[in-house]
Amino acid sequence: MRIWGKIWKDNHLLKDTTIEDHSNDTRTHKIFHALDDICLEFDLGKPIWLDSNIREFQKHSSTKFRQDNFIEEIDFDFLEFHVIEED
């Protein structure tokens, strides 16, 4: 599985990274581990999955985490989280 994390501000891509997970873990575990790795690499607190994020991710394998998803202030518009390849 490959997951792409991107930070956007004012319609500009500020940072991006790709996380690969070829373990035998479940899809859900791979998703959560990738989000942890992305947040660690970008030095962010972990976002909270709201119902809208869950629905969007289930439908499109992609979601955007905005200020409402973070406890601390963020200096960007959103963190985009997107599955680009499944096992």
N, C-alpha and C. Protein backbone atom coordinates (compact mmCIF):
# COMPACT_ATOMS: atom_id res chain seq x y z
N MET A 1 0.84 -1.17 0.00
CA MET A 1 0.00 0.00 0.00
C MET A 1 0.89 1.24 0.00
N ARG A 2 0.50 2.21 -0.81
CA ARG A 2 1.21 3.49 -0.84
C ARG A 2 0.21 4.60 -0.54
N ILE A 3 0.61 5.49 0.35
CA ILE A 3 -0.25 6.60 0.77
C ILE A 3 0.52 7.90 0.62
N TRP A 4 -0.15 8.88 0.05
CA TRP A 4 0.47 10.18 -0.22
C TRP A 4 -0.10 11.20 0.75
N GLY A 5 0.77 11.87 1.48
CA GLY A 5 0.37 12.95 2.37
C GLY A 5 0.88 14.27 1.81
N LYS A 6 0.00 15.28 1.78
CA LYS A 6 0.36 16.58 1.20
C LYS A 6 -0.17 17.70 2.08
N ILE A 7 0.65 18.71 2.29
CA ILE A 7 0.22 19.90 3.02
C ILE A 7 0.04 21.04 2.01
N TRP A 8 -1.15 21.67 2.08
CA TRP A 8 -1.52 22.74 1.16
C TRP A 8 -1.78 24.04 1.91
N LYS A 9 -1.37 25.14 1.30
CA LYS A 9 -1.70 26.48 1.81
C LYS A 9 -1.87 27.41 0.62
N ASP A 10 -2.97 28.11 0.58
CA ASP A 10 -3.28 29.06 -0.51
C ASP A 10 -3.10 28.41 -1.88
N ASN A 11 -3.62 27.20 -2.03
CA ASN A 11 -3.56 26.43 -3.28
C ASN A 11 -2.15 26.10 -3.74
N HIS A 12 -1.20 26.11 -2.81
CA HIS A 12 0.18 25.73 -3.13
C HIS A 12 0.56 24.52 -2.29
N LEU A 13 1.21 23.59 -2.93
CA LEU A 13 1.71 22.41 -2.23
C LEU A 13 2.98 22.81 -1.48
N LEU A 14 2.96 22.69 -0.15
CA LEU A 14 4.11 23.07 0.66
C LEU A 14 5.04 21.89 0.91
N LYS A 15 4.45 20.73 1.24
CA LYS A 15 5.23 19.53 1.54
C LYS A 15 4.45 18.32 1.08
N ASP A 16 5.17 17.28 0.72
CA ASP A 16 4.50 16.02 0.46
C ASP A 16 5.44 14.87 0.76
N THR A 17 4.85 13.72 1.01
CA THR A 17 5.62 12.51 1.27
C THR A 17 4.77 11.31 0.88
N THR A 18 5.43 10.23 0.57
CA THR A 18 4.74 8.98 0.26
C THR A 18 5.20 7.93 1.26
N ILE A 19 4.23 7.25 1.83
CA ILE A 19 4.49 6.20 2.80
C ILE A 19 4.14 4.86 2.15
N GLU A 20 5.05 3.91 2.22
CA GLU A 20 4.79 2.58 1.70
C GLU A 20 4.72 1.59 2.85
N ASP A 21 3.74 0.71 2.77
CA ASP A 21 3.56 -0.32 3.81
C ASP A 21 3.25 -1.64 3.12
N HIS A 22 4.20 -2.55 3.16
CA HIS A 22 4.03 -3.86 2.53
C HIS A 22 3.86 -4.95 3.57
N SER A 23 3.45 -4.55 4.77
CA SER A 23 3.26 -5.52 5.84
C SER A 23 1.97 -6.32 5.60
N ASN A 24 1.75 -7.30 6.42
CA ASN A 24 0.54 -8.12 6.34
C ASN A 24 -0.56 -7.60 7.26
N ASP A 25 -0.41 -6.37 7.73
CA ASP A 25 -1.42 -5.74 8.59
C ASP A 25 -2.72 -5.55 7.82
N THR A 26 -3.78 -5.24 8.53
CA THR A 26 -5.06 -4.95 7.89
C THR A 26 -4.97 -3.58 7.20
N ARG A 27 -5.90 -3.32 6.30
CA ARG A 27 -5.94 -2.03 5.61
C ARG A 27 -6.07 -0.89 6.62
N THR A 28 -6.94 -1.07 7.60
CA THR A 28 -7.16 -0.03 8.61
C THR A 28 -5.88 0.27 9.38
N HIS A 29 -5.17 -0.76 9.80
CA HIS A 29 -3.91 -0.54 10.52
C HIS A 29 -2.89 0.17 9.64
N LYS A 30 -2.83 -0.20 8.38
CA LYS A 30 -1.90 0.46 7.46
C LYS A 30 -2.23 1.94 7.31
N ILE A 31 -3.52 2.26 7.25
CA ILE A 31 -3.97 3.66 7.13
C ILE A 31 -3.52 4.45 8.35
N PHE A 32 -3.81 3.92 9.54
CA PHE A 32 -3.45 4.64 10.77
C PHE A 32 -1.94 4.76 10.94
N HIS A 33 -1.19 3.72 10.60
CA HIS A 33 0.27 3.78 10.70
C HIS A 33 0.84 4.81 9.73
N ALA A 34 0.29 4.85 8.51
CA ALA A 34 0.76 5.83 7.53
C ALA A 34 0.48 7.25 8.00
N LEU A 35 -0.70 7.48 8.57
CA LEU A 35 -1.01 8.82 9.07
C LEU A 35 -0.06 9.20 10.20
N ASP A 36 0.24 8.25 11.08
CA ASP A 36 1.22 8.50 12.16
C ASP A 36 2.58 8.88 11.57
N ASP A 37 3.03 8.13 10.56
CA ASP A 37 4.33 8.39 9.93
C ASP A 37 4.36 9.76 9.24
N ILE A 38 3.28 10.11 8.57
CA ILE A 38 3.20 11.41 7.90
C ILE A 38 3.25 12.54 8.92
N CYS A 39 2.49 12.41 10.00
CA CYS A 39 2.49 13.45 11.03
C CYS A 39 3.85 13.57 11.70
N LEU A 40 4.52 12.45 11.89
CA LEU A 40 5.86 12.48 12.47
C LEU A 40 6.83 13.19 11.53
N GLU A 41 6.77 12.86 10.25
CA GLU A 41 7.66 13.49 9.27
C GLU A 41 7.41 14.99 9.14
N PHE A 42 6.14 15.41 9.21
CA PHE A 42 5.79 16.83 9.08
C PHE A 42 5.77 17.55 10.43
N ASP A 43 6.09 16.85 11.51
CA ASP A 43 6.09 17.41 12.86
C ASP A 43 4.72 17.99 13.23
N LEU A 44 3.69 17.17 13.04
CA LEU A 44 2.31 17.56 13.34
C LEU A 44 1.73 16.68 14.42
N GLY A 45 0.78 17.22 15.17
CA GLY A 45 -0.02 16.39 16.04
C GLY A 45 -0.97 15.56 15.18
N LYS A 46 -1.41 14.43 15.71
CA LYS A 46 -2.31 13.58 14.93
C LYS A 46 -3.68 14.23 14.82
N PRO A 47 -4.23 14.25 13.60
CA PRO A 47 -5.57 14.80 13.44
C PRO A 47 -6.63 13.84 13.96
N ILE A 48 -7.78 14.38 14.26
CA ILE A 48 -8.93 13.60 14.71
C ILE A 48 -9.78 13.27 13.48
N TRP A 49 -10.16 12.00 13.37
CA TRP A 49 -11.03 11.57 12.27
C TRP A 49 -12.47 11.95 12.63
N LEU A 50 -13.03 12.92 11.93
CA LEU A 50 -14.43 13.29 12.10
C LEU A 50 -15.28 12.40 11.20
N ASP A 51 -16.58 12.36 11.46
CA ASP A 51 -17.47 11.53 10.64
C ASP A 51 -17.36 11.87 9.16
N SER A 52 -17.22 13.16 8.86
CA SER A 52 -17.11 13.58 7.46
C SER A 52 -15.83 13.03 6.81
N ASN A 53 -14.74 12.96 7.57
CA ASN A 53 -13.49 12.39 7.05
C ASN A 53 -13.65 10.90 6.77
N ILE A 54 -14.31 10.22 7.69
CA ILE A 54 -14.51 8.77 7.52
C ILE A 54 -15.34 8.49 6.28
N ARG A 55 -16.44 9.21 6.12
CA ARG A 55 -17.30 9.02 4.93
C ARG A 55 -16.54 9.31 3.65
N GLU A 56 -15.81 10.43 3.63
CA GLU A 56 -15.05 10.82 2.44
C GLU A 56 -13.98 9.77 2.12
N PHE A 57 -13.30 9.28 3.16
CA PHE A 57 -12.24 8.29 2.95
C PHE A 57 -12.82 6.97 2.46
N GLN A 58 -13.94 6.55 3.01
CA GLN A 58 -14.57 5.30 2.57
C GLN A 58 -15.01 5.38 1.12
N LYS A 59 -15.45 6.56 0.69
CA LYS A 59 -15.95 6.73 -0.67
C LYS A 59 -14.84 6.92 -1.70
N HIS A 60 -13.80 7.70 -1.33
CA HIS A 60 -12.79 8.10 -2.31
C HIS A 60 -11.36 7.66 -1.98
N SER A 61 -11.15 6.98 -0.86
CA SER A 61 -9.81 6.62 -0.37
C SER A 61 -8.93 7.86 -0.23
N SER A 62 -9.56 8.96 0.13
CA SER A 62 -8.87 10.23 0.27
C SER A 62 -9.68 11.12 1.22
N THR A 63 -8.99 11.96 1.98
CA THR A 63 -9.67 12.94 2.83
C THR A 63 -8.74 14.11 3.09
N LYS A 64 -9.32 15.19 3.60
CA LYS A 64 -8.55 16.38 3.95
C LYS A 64 -8.77 16.69 5.42
N PHE A 65 -7.68 16.87 6.13
CA PHE A 65 -7.73 17.24 7.54
C PHE A 65 -7.48 18.74 7.64
N ARG A 66 -8.48 19.46 8.14
CA ARG A 66 -8.40 20.92 8.29
C ARG A 66 -8.22 21.29 9.75
N GLN A 67 -8.27 22.57 10.04
CA GLN A 67 -8.07 23.04 11.42
C GLN A 67 -8.98 22.34 12.42
N ASP A 68 -10.21 22.05 12.03
CA ASP A 68 -11.16 21.38 12.93
C ASP A 68 -10.68 20.00 13.37
N ASN A 69 -9.79 19.40 12.60
CA ASN A 69 -9.29 18.05 12.92
C ASN A 69 -8.11 18.07 13.88
N PHE A 70 -7.51 19.23 14.07
CA PHE A 70 -6.31 19.34 14.90
C PHE A 70 -6.62 20.07 16.20
N ILE A 71 -5.98 19.64 17.27
CA ILE A 71 -6.15 20.32 18.56
C ILE A 71 -5.34 21.62 18.56
N GLU A 72 -4.10 21.56 18.06
CA GLU A 72 -3.26 22.75 18.02
C GLU A 72 -3.51 23.55 16.74
N GLU A 73 -3.07 24.79 16.74
CA GLU A 73 -3.17 25.63 15.54
C GLU A 73 -2.26 25.08 14.45
N ILE A 74 -2.73 25.14 13.22
CA ILE A 74 -1.90 24.74 12.08
C ILE A 74 -1.65 25.96 11.21
N ASP A 75 -0.51 25.98 10.53
CA ASP A 75 -0.16 27.13 9.69
C ASP A 75 -0.31 26.81 8.21
N PHE A 76 -1.27 25.94 7.90
CA PHE A 76 -1.57 25.58 6.52
C PHE A 76 -3.08 25.40 6.41
N ASP A 77 -3.58 25.24 5.19
CA ASP A 77 -5.02 25.10 4.99
C ASP A 77 -5.52 23.69 5.30
N PHE A 78 -4.81 22.68 4.79
CA PHE A 78 -5.23 21.31 5.08
C PHE A 78 -4.12 20.32 4.77
N LEU A 79 -4.24 19.15 5.40
CA LEU A 79 -3.39 18.00 5.14
C LEU A 79 -4.22 17.04 4.31
N GLU A 80 -3.79 16.77 3.10
CA GLU A 80 -4.50 15.83 2.24
C GLU A 80 -3.88 14.45 2.43
N PHE A 81 -4.72 13.46 2.54
CA PHE A 81 -4.31 12.08 2.84
C PHE A 81 -4.98 11.19 1.80
N HIS A 82 -4.17 10.51 0.97
CA HIS A 82 -4.72 9.84 -0.21
C HIS A 82 -4.04 8.50 -0.45
N VAL A 83 -4.82 7.43 -0.57
CA VAL A 83 -4.27 6.12 -0.94
C VAL A 83 -4.04 6.12 -2.44
N ILE A 84 -2.79 5.90 -2.86
CA ILE A 84 -2.50 5.91 -4.29
C ILE A 84 -2.29 4.51 -4.86
N GLU A 85 -2.07 3.52 -3.98
CA GLU A 85 -1.93 2.15 -4.46
C GLU A 85 -2.27 1.19 -3.34
N GLU A 86 -3.12 0.22 -3.64
CA GLU A 86 -3.50 -0.78 -2.65
C GLU A 86 -2.77 -2.08 -2.96
N ASP A 87 -2.61 -2.90 -1.93
CA ASP A 87 -1.98 -4.21 -2.12
C ASP A 87 -2.90 -5.14 -2.87
